[in-house]
Amino acid sequence: MDEELTRQERDVLALERRGWAGPGAKERAIREELGMAPVRYYQLLNALLDAPRALAHDPVTVNRLRRIRAARRAER
């Protein structure tokens, strides 16, 4: 059972699947819907991208975010 995501982890991935209308909308949703600070959200998301169980749960979203992260790291 330790291979399953927590409710919070599933919610983070679900939030990442959505499109965002403008700047600030995503951060507002993070605070209002998940009840956490954006900094904590992004820490959790980054850890999730390295978790095989997250990849198993939502491969499309996780792979897309991994590509974006790799591209940003390559720019540095």
N, C-alpha and C. Protein backbone atom coordinates (compact mmCIF):
# COMPACT_ATOMS: atom_id res chain seq x y z
N MET A 1 0.81 -1.21 0.00
CA MET A 1 0.00 0.00 0.00
C MET A 1 0.85 1.27 0.00
N ASP A 2 2.11 1.17 0.35
CA ASP A 2 2.95 2.36 0.40
C ASP A 2 3.25 2.90 -0.99
N GLU A 3 2.77 2.21 -2.03
CA GLU A 3 2.97 2.68 -3.39
C GLU A 3 1.90 3.69 -3.82
N GLU A 4 0.87 3.86 -3.01
CA GLU A 4 -0.20 4.78 -3.36
C GLU A 4 0.13 6.20 -2.91
N LEU A 5 -0.37 7.16 -3.65
CA LEU A 5 -0.18 8.56 -3.29
C LEU A 5 -1.14 8.95 -2.18
N THR A 6 -0.73 9.92 -1.38
CA THR A 6 -1.63 10.46 -0.37
C THR A 6 -2.66 11.35 -1.06
N ARG A 7 -3.68 11.71 -0.36
CA ARG A 7 -4.71 12.60 -0.91
C ARG A 7 -4.07 13.93 -1.34
N GLN A 8 -3.19 14.45 -0.50
CA GLN A 8 -2.53 15.72 -0.81
C GLN A 8 -1.67 15.60 -2.07
N GLU A 9 -0.96 14.51 -2.22
CA GLU A 9 -0.13 14.30 -3.41
C GLU A 9 -1.00 14.20 -4.67
N ARG A 10 -2.12 13.49 -4.58
CA ARG A 10 -3.04 13.40 -5.73
C ARG A 10 -3.61 14.78 -6.07
N ASP A 11 -3.91 15.57 -5.04
CA ASP A 11 -4.45 16.91 -5.26
C ASP A 11 -3.43 17.81 -5.95
N VAL A 12 -2.15 17.68 -5.58
CA VAL A 12 -1.09 18.48 -6.20
C VAL A 12 -1.01 18.14 -7.69
N LEU A 13 -1.00 16.86 -8.02
CA LEU A 13 -0.94 16.46 -9.42
C LEU A 13 -2.18 16.91 -10.19
N ALA A 14 -3.34 16.85 -9.54
CA ALA A 14 -4.57 17.29 -10.19
C ALA A 14 -4.52 18.79 -10.50
N LEU A 15 -3.97 19.56 -9.57
CA LEU A 15 -3.84 21.00 -9.78
C LEU A 15 -2.90 21.28 -10.95
N GLU A 16 -1.86 20.49 -11.09
CA GLU A 16 -0.90 20.68 -12.19
C GLU A 16 -1.50 20.35 -13.55
N ARG A 17 -2.55 19.55 -13.60
CA ARG A 17 -3.18 19.20 -14.88
C ARG A 17 -4.03 20.34 -15.44
N ARG A 18 -4.40 21.27 -14.57
CA ARG A 18 -5.29 22.35 -14.99
C ARG A 18 -4.55 23.46 -15.72
N GLY A 19 -5.26 24.20 -16.54
CA GLY A 19 -4.71 25.38 -17.19
C GLY A 19 -4.97 26.60 -16.33
N TRP A 20 -4.12 27.61 -16.47
CA TRP A 20 -4.27 28.79 -15.62
C TRP A 20 -4.46 30.04 -16.46
N ALA A 21 -5.49 30.82 -16.10
CA ALA A 21 -5.89 31.99 -16.87
C ALA A 21 -4.84 33.10 -16.85
N GLY A 22 -4.26 33.35 -15.71
CA GLY A 22 -3.33 34.47 -15.63
C GLY A 22 -2.41 34.34 -14.44
N PRO A 23 -1.50 35.29 -14.31
CA PRO A 23 -0.55 35.24 -13.20
C PRO A 23 -1.28 35.37 -11.86
N GLY A 24 -0.88 34.58 -10.93
CA GLY A 24 -1.48 34.63 -9.60
C GLY A 24 -2.63 33.65 -9.41
N ALA A 25 -3.26 33.21 -10.49
CA ALA A 25 -4.41 32.32 -10.37
C ALA A 25 -3.99 30.98 -9.75
N LYS A 26 -2.87 30.44 -10.19
CA LYS A 26 -2.41 29.15 -9.67
C LYS A 26 -2.04 29.27 -8.20
N GLU A 27 -1.30 30.33 -7.84
CA GLU A 27 -0.91 30.51 -6.45
C GLU A 27 -2.13 30.68 -5.54
N ARG A 28 -3.13 31.39 -6.04
CA ARG A 28 -4.37 31.57 -5.27
C ARG A 28 -5.06 30.22 -5.07
N ALA A 29 -5.10 29.40 -6.12
CA ALA A 29 -5.72 28.07 -6.00
C ALA A 29 -4.94 27.19 -5.02
N ILE A 30 -3.62 27.29 -5.04
CA ILE A 30 -2.81 26.51 -4.11
C ILE A 30 -3.18 26.86 -2.67
N ARG A 31 -3.31 28.16 -2.40
CA ARG A 31 -3.67 28.59 -1.04
C ARG A 31 -5.10 28.20 -0.67
N GLU A 32 -6.04 28.50 -1.58
CA GLU A 32 -7.45 28.31 -1.26
C GLU A 32 -7.88 26.85 -1.29
N GLU A 33 -7.45 26.10 -2.30
CA GLU A 33 -7.92 24.73 -2.45
C GLU A 33 -7.11 23.72 -1.66
N LEU A 34 -5.80 23.95 -1.57
CA LEU A 34 -4.95 22.98 -0.88
C LEU A 34 -4.55 23.45 0.51
N GLY A 35 -4.75 24.72 0.79
CA GLY A 35 -4.44 25.25 2.12
C GLY A 35 -2.95 25.21 2.45
N MET A 36 -2.12 25.45 1.46
CA MET A 36 -0.68 25.46 1.74
C MET A 36 -0.03 26.63 1.03
N ALA A 37 1.14 26.99 1.49
CA ALA A 37 1.91 28.06 0.87
C ALA A 37 2.47 27.56 -0.46
N PRO A 38 2.53 28.44 -1.46
CA PRO A 38 3.10 28.04 -2.74
C PRO A 38 4.50 27.44 -2.63
N VAL A 39 5.33 27.96 -1.74
CA VAL A 39 6.69 27.42 -1.59
C VAL A 39 6.62 25.94 -1.19
N ARG A 40 5.76 25.62 -0.23
CA ARG A 40 5.60 24.23 0.22
C ARG A 40 5.05 23.37 -0.91
N TYR A 41 4.11 23.92 -1.67
CA TYR A 41 3.52 23.21 -2.80
C TYR A 41 4.60 22.80 -3.79
N TYR A 42 5.45 23.76 -4.16
CA TYR A 42 6.48 23.46 -5.15
C TYR A 42 7.54 22.50 -4.61
N GLN A 43 7.81 22.54 -3.32
CA GLN A 43 8.72 21.56 -2.71
C GLN A 43 8.13 20.16 -2.84
N LEU A 44 6.86 20.03 -2.51
CA LEU A 44 6.18 18.74 -2.59
C LEU A 44 6.10 18.26 -4.04
N LEU A 45 5.78 19.16 -4.95
CA LEU A 45 5.69 18.81 -6.37
C LEU A 45 7.03 18.31 -6.88
N ASN A 46 8.10 19.01 -6.55
CA ASN A 46 9.42 18.61 -7.02
C ASN A 46 9.80 17.22 -6.51
N ALA A 47 9.48 16.94 -5.26
CA ALA A 47 9.75 15.60 -4.71
C ALA A 47 8.89 14.55 -5.42
N LEU A 48 7.65 14.91 -5.73
CA LEU A 48 6.75 13.98 -6.42
C LEU A 48 7.27 13.60 -7.80
N LEU A 49 7.92 14.55 -8.48
CA LEU A 49 8.41 14.26 -9.83
C LEU A 49 9.46 13.17 -9.85
N ASP A 50 10.10 12.94 -8.71
CA ASP A 50 11.12 11.89 -8.60
C ASP A 50 10.56 10.58 -8.05
N ALA A 51 9.29 10.57 -7.70
CA ALA A 51 8.68 9.39 -7.07
C ALA A 51 8.06 8.47 -8.12
N PRO A 52 8.52 7.21 -8.19
CA PRO A 52 7.94 6.26 -9.14
C PRO A 52 6.42 6.10 -8.98
N ARG A 53 5.92 6.21 -7.77
CA ARG A 53 4.47 6.05 -7.54
C ARG A 53 3.69 7.19 -8.16
N ALA A 54 4.28 8.39 -8.21
CA ALA A 54 3.62 9.51 -8.89
C ALA A 54 3.58 9.27 -10.40
N LEU A 55 4.67 8.75 -10.93
CA LEU A 55 4.73 8.43 -12.36
C LEU A 55 3.69 7.37 -12.70
N ALA A 56 3.54 6.38 -11.84
CA ALA A 56 2.55 5.32 -12.07
C ALA A 56 1.12 5.89 -12.01
N HIS A 57 0.90 6.86 -11.14
CA HIS A 57 -0.44 7.44 -10.96
C HIS A 57 -0.84 8.33 -12.12
N ASP A 58 0.10 9.16 -12.60
CA ASP A 58 -0.23 10.13 -13.65
C ASP A 58 0.98 10.35 -14.56
N PRO A 59 1.27 9.37 -15.42
CA PRO A 59 2.48 9.45 -16.24
C PRO A 59 2.53 10.65 -17.19
N VAL A 60 1.41 11.06 -17.73
CA VAL A 60 1.41 12.18 -18.68
C VAL A 60 1.84 13.46 -17.98
N THR A 61 1.22 13.77 -16.85
CA THR A 61 1.54 14.99 -16.12
C THR A 61 2.97 14.95 -15.58
N VAL A 62 3.35 13.84 -14.97
CA VAL A 62 4.69 13.75 -14.38
C VAL A 62 5.77 13.86 -15.46
N ASN A 63 5.61 13.19 -16.57
CA ASN A 63 6.60 13.28 -17.64
C ASN A 63 6.68 14.69 -18.23
N ARG A 64 5.53 15.34 -18.38
CA ARG A 64 5.52 16.72 -18.90
C ARG A 64 6.29 17.64 -17.94
N LEU A 65 6.01 17.51 -16.65
CA LEU A 65 6.68 18.35 -15.67
C LEU A 65 8.17 18.03 -15.55
N ARG A 66 8.53 16.77 -15.72
CA ARG A 66 9.95 16.40 -15.70
C ARG A 66 10.68 17.04 -16.88
N ARG A 67 10.04 17.06 -18.05
CA ARG A 67 10.66 17.70 -19.22
C ARG A 67 10.86 19.20 -18.99
N ILE A 68 9.85 19.85 -18.42
CA ILE A 68 9.95 21.28 -18.14
C ILE A 68 11.07 21.53 -17.14
N ARG A 69 11.14 20.73 -16.10
CA ARG A 69 12.18 20.90 -15.08
C ARG A 69 13.56 20.70 -15.69
N ALA A 70 13.71 19.70 -16.53
CA ALA A 70 15.01 19.42 -17.15
C ALA A 70 15.42 20.58 -18.07
N ALA A 71 14.46 21.13 -18.80
CA ALA A 71 14.76 22.25 -19.69
C ALA A 71 15.20 23.47 -18.90
N ARG A 72 14.55 23.72 -17.78
CA ARG A 72 14.92 24.89 -16.94
C ARG A 72 16.30 24.70 -16.34
N ARG A 73 16.60 23.48 -15.93
CA ARG A 73 17.93 23.20 -15.37
C ARG A 73 19.01 23.35 -16.43
N ALA A 74 18.69 22.98 -17.65
CA ALA A 74 19.67 23.08 -18.74
C ALA A 74 19.96 24.54 -19.10
N GLU A 75 18.98 25.42 -18.87
CA GLU A 75 19.16 26.84 -19.17
C GLU A 75 20.12 27.52 -18.21
N ARG A 76 20.27 26.96 -17.01
CA ARG A 76 21.11 27.60 -15.99
C ARG A 76 22.57 27.43 -16.29
